[in-house]
Amino acid sequence: MSYIIKMALDIKAGFEPPAQMSSPIEAYCAIGTVAKAMRLDLPARRDTLFEMREDLKNEIDGKDFPEPRIEKICHILMSFIRNETTTDRMMEYMVYGYENEPI
């Protein structure tokens, strides 16, 4: 399932304008994907998706994106409006996104 979620991010980023995320699972995967692409450490677990997203935003603020795909994934992540409590399952998706993003 993780593979499909990561592939969905790439597909959504391929549209112009990028398609919106439909689930928090995609958002957690996107956090890991963007963090790895930006050469950051694996993000620390926080209580909510919005807290984790804010941490990522603070880490990448002012940095250039390595490629347009990552910029688009980041854009759709930052516009995701549904906050969620961070669970072990959500963290697994975030770790998968991080570990499977080539740099």
C-alpha atoms as a PDB file:
ATOM      1  CA  MET A   1       0.000   0.000   0.000  1.00  0.00           C
ATOM      2  CA  SER A   2       2.845   2.423   0.800  1.00  0.00           C
ATOM      3  CA  TYR A   3       4.149   2.063  -2.736  1.00  0.00           C
ATOM      4  CA  ILE A   4       0.754   3.049  -4.137  1.00  0.00           C
ATOM      5  CA  ILE A   5       0.526   6.114  -1.886  1.00  0.00           C
ATOM      6  CA  LYS A   6       3.992   7.295  -2.941  1.00  0.00           C
ATOM      7  CA  MET A   7       3.121   6.718  -6.596  1.00  0.00           C
ATOM      8  CA  ALA A   8      -0.116   8.707  -6.116  1.00  0.00           C
ATOM      9  CA  LEU A   9       1.955  11.689  -4.937  1.00  0.00           C
ATOM     10  CA  ASP A  10       4.031  11.599  -8.099  1.00  0.00           C
ATOM     11  CA  ILE A  11       0.924  11.334 -10.274  1.00  0.00           C
ATOM     12  CA  LYS A  12      -0.769  14.250  -8.507  1.00  0.00           C
ATOM     13  CA  ALA A  13       2.381  16.352  -8.838  1.00  0.00           C
ATOM     14  CA  GLY A  14       2.383  15.634 -12.565  1.00  0.00           C
ATOM     15  CA  PHE A  15      -0.841  17.530 -13.215  1.00  0.00           C
ATOM     16  CA  GLU A  16      -0.888  21.235 -13.974  1.00  0.00           C
ATOM     17  CA  PRO A  17      -1.988  22.553 -11.590  1.00  0.00           C
ATOM     18  CA  PRO A  18      -1.124  19.683  -9.237  1.00  0.00           C
ATOM     19  CA  ALA A  19      -4.060  17.628  -7.961  1.00  0.00           C
ATOM     20  CA  GLN A  20      -4.937  17.957  -4.292  1.00  0.00           C
ATOM     21  CA  MET A  21      -4.209  15.246  -1.736  1.00  0.00           C
ATOM     22  CA  SER A  22      -7.207  13.206  -0.723  1.00  0.00           C
ATOM     23  CA  SER A  23      -6.034  11.626   2.524  1.00  0.00           C
ATOM     24  CA  PRO A  24      -3.753  12.228   5.483  1.00  0.00           C
ATOM     25  CA  ILE A  25      -1.851   9.089   4.511  1.00  0.00           C
ATOM     26  CA  GLU A  26      -0.628  10.930   1.423  1.00  0.00           C
ATOM     27  CA  ALA A  27       0.276  13.950   3.541  1.00  0.00           C
ATOM     28  CA  TYR A  28       2.445  11.926   5.915  1.00  0.00           C
ATOM     29  CA  CYS A  29       4.142  10.215   2.974  1.00  0.00           C
ATOM     30  CA  ALA A  30       4.723  13.639   1.416  1.00  0.00           C
ATOM     31  CA  ILE A  31       6.420  14.890   4.584  1.00  0.00           C
ATOM     32  CA  GLY A  32       8.952  12.082   4.354  1.00  0.00           C
ATOM     33  CA  THR A  33       9.387  12.509   0.610  1.00  0.00           C
ATOM     34  CA  VAL A  34      10.021  16.249   0.799  1.00  0.00           C
ATOM     35  CA  ALA A  35      12.323  15.933   3.810  1.00  0.00           C
ATOM     36  CA  LYS A  36      14.533  13.386   2.063  1.00  0.00           C
ATOM     37  CA  ALA A  37      14.603  15.323  -1.204  1.00  0.00           C
ATOM     38  CA  MET A  38      15.628  18.452   0.707  1.00  0.00           C
ATOM     39  CA  ARG A  39      18.398  16.433   2.414  1.00  0.00           C
ATOM     40  CA  LEU A  40      16.924  16.808   5.887  1.00  0.00           C
ATOM     41  CA  ASP A  41      16.991  14.255   8.674  1.00  0.00           C
ATOM     42  CA  LEU A  42      14.032  11.948   9.139  1.00  0.00           C
ATOM     43  CA  PRO A  43      11.332  14.185  10.643  1.00  0.00           C
ATOM     44  CA  ALA A  44      10.602  13.761  14.336  1.00  0.00           C
ATOM     45  CA  ARG A  45       7.196  12.527  15.386  1.00  0.00           C
ATOM     46  CA  ARG A  46       4.805  15.225  16.558  1.00  0.00           C
ATOM     47  CA  ASP A  47       1.250  14.899  17.905  1.00  0.00           C
ATOM     48  CA  THR A  48      -0.517  16.075  14.750  1.00  0.00           C
ATOM     49  CA  LEU A  49      -0.064  16.285  11.012  1.00  0.00           C
ATOM     50  CA  PHE A  50      -0.173  20.083  11.113  1.00  0.00           C
ATOM     51  CA  GLU A  51       2.636  20.183  13.695  1.00  0.00           C
ATOM     52  CA  MET A  52       4.781  17.919  11.533  1.00  0.00           C
ATOM     53  CA  ARG A  53       3.975  19.963   8.455  1.00  0.00           C
ATOM     54  CA  GLU A  54       4.900  23.185  10.273  1.00  0.00           C
ATOM     55  CA  ASP A  55       8.242  21.686  11.356  1.00  0.00           C
ATOM     56  CA  LEU A  56       8.977  20.755   7.744  1.00  0.00           C
ATOM     57  CA  LYS A  57       7.961  24.195   6.522  1.00  0.00           C
ATOM     58  CA  ASN A  58      10.347  25.829   9.007  1.00  0.00           C
ATOM     59  CA  GLU A  59      13.187  23.528   7.903  1.00  0.00           C
ATOM     60  CA  ILE A  60      12.808  24.244   4.196  1.00  0.00           C
ATOM     61  CA  ASP A  61      11.884  27.928   4.368  1.00  0.00           C
ATOM     62  CA  GLY A  62      14.168  29.888   2.058  1.00  0.00           C
ATOM     63  CA  LYS A  63      15.756  26.802   0.465  1.00  0.00           C
ATOM     64  CA  ASP A  64      15.547  25.949  -3.212  1.00  0.00           C
ATOM     65  CA  PHE A  65      13.696  22.810  -4.234  1.00  0.00           C
ATOM     66  CA  PRO A  66      15.885  20.235  -5.997  1.00  0.00           C
ATOM     67  CA  GLU A  67      13.275  19.655  -8.709  1.00  0.00           C
ATOM     68  CA  PRO A  68       9.801  20.857  -9.725  1.00  0.00           C
ATOM     69  CA  ARG A  69       8.189  17.566  -8.618  1.00  0.00           C
ATOM     70  CA  ILE A  70       9.255  18.142  -5.017  1.00  0.00           C
ATOM     71  CA  GLU A  71       8.082  21.742  -5.115  1.00  0.00           C
ATOM     72  CA  LYS A  72       4.653  20.586  -6.322  1.00  0.00           C
ATOM     73  CA  ILE A  73       4.423  17.842  -3.680  1.00  0.00           C
ATOM     74  CA  CYS A  74       5.321  20.413  -1.044  1.00  0.00           C
ATOM     75  CA  HIS A  75       2.699  22.813  -2.395  1.00  0.00           C
ATOM     76  CA  ILE A  76      -0.108  20.261  -2.224  1.00  0.00           C
ATOM     77  CA  LEU A  77       1.068  19.172   1.244  1.00  0.00           C
ATOM     78  CA  MET A  78       0.942  22.734   2.550  1.00  0.00           C
ATOM     79  CA  SER A  79      -2.566  23.202   1.137  1.00  0.00           C
ATOM     80  CA  PHE A  80      -3.954  20.008   2.696  1.00  0.00           C
ATOM     81  CA  ILE A  81      -6.694  21.112   5.095  1.00  0.00           C
ATOM     82  CA  ARG A  82      -7.428  18.037   7.224  1.00  0.00           C
ATOM     83  CA  ASN A  83      -5.471  17.767  10.450  1.00  0.00           C
ATOM     84  CA  GLU A  84      -4.978  14.315  11.959  1.00  0.00           C
ATOM     85  CA  THR A  85      -3.496  12.793  15.072  1.00  0.00           C
ATOM     86  CA  THR A  86      -0.167  11.141  14.339  1.00  0.00           C
ATOM     87  CA  THR A  87      -0.409   7.377  14.731  1.00  0.00           C
ATOM     88  CA  ASP A  88       2.148   4.617  14.322  1.00  0.00           C
ATOM     89  CA  ARG A  89       0.555   3.774  10.958  1.00  0.00           C
ATOM     90  CA  MET A  90       0.879   7.362   9.751  1.00  0.00           C
ATOM     91  CA  MET A  91       4.531   7.381  10.799  1.00  0.00           C
ATOM     92  CA  GLU A  92       5.113   4.241   8.756  1.00  0.00           C
ATOM     93  CA  TYR A  93       3.917   6.096   5.648  1.00  0.00           C
ATOM     94  CA  MET A  94       6.156   9.044   6.471  1.00  0.00           C
ATOM     95  CA  VAL A  95       9.164   6.752   6.925  1.00  0.00           C
ATOM     96  CA  TYR A  96       8.340   4.932   3.679  1.00  0.00           C
ATOM     97  CA  GLY A  97       8.232   8.240   1.799  1.00  0.00           C
ATOM     98  CA  TYR A  98      11.568   9.204   3.304  1.00  0.00           C
ATOM     99  CA  GLU A  99      13.336   5.887   2.726  1.00  0.00           C
ATOM    100  CA  ASN A 100      12.091   5.506  -0.840  1.00  0.00           C
ATOM    101  CA  GLU A 101      12.878   8.975  -2.156  1.00  0.00           C
ATOM    102  CA  PRO A 102      16.020   8.877  -4.293  1.00  0.00           C
ATOM    103  CA  ILE A 103      18.442  11.750  -3.867  1.00  0.00           C
END
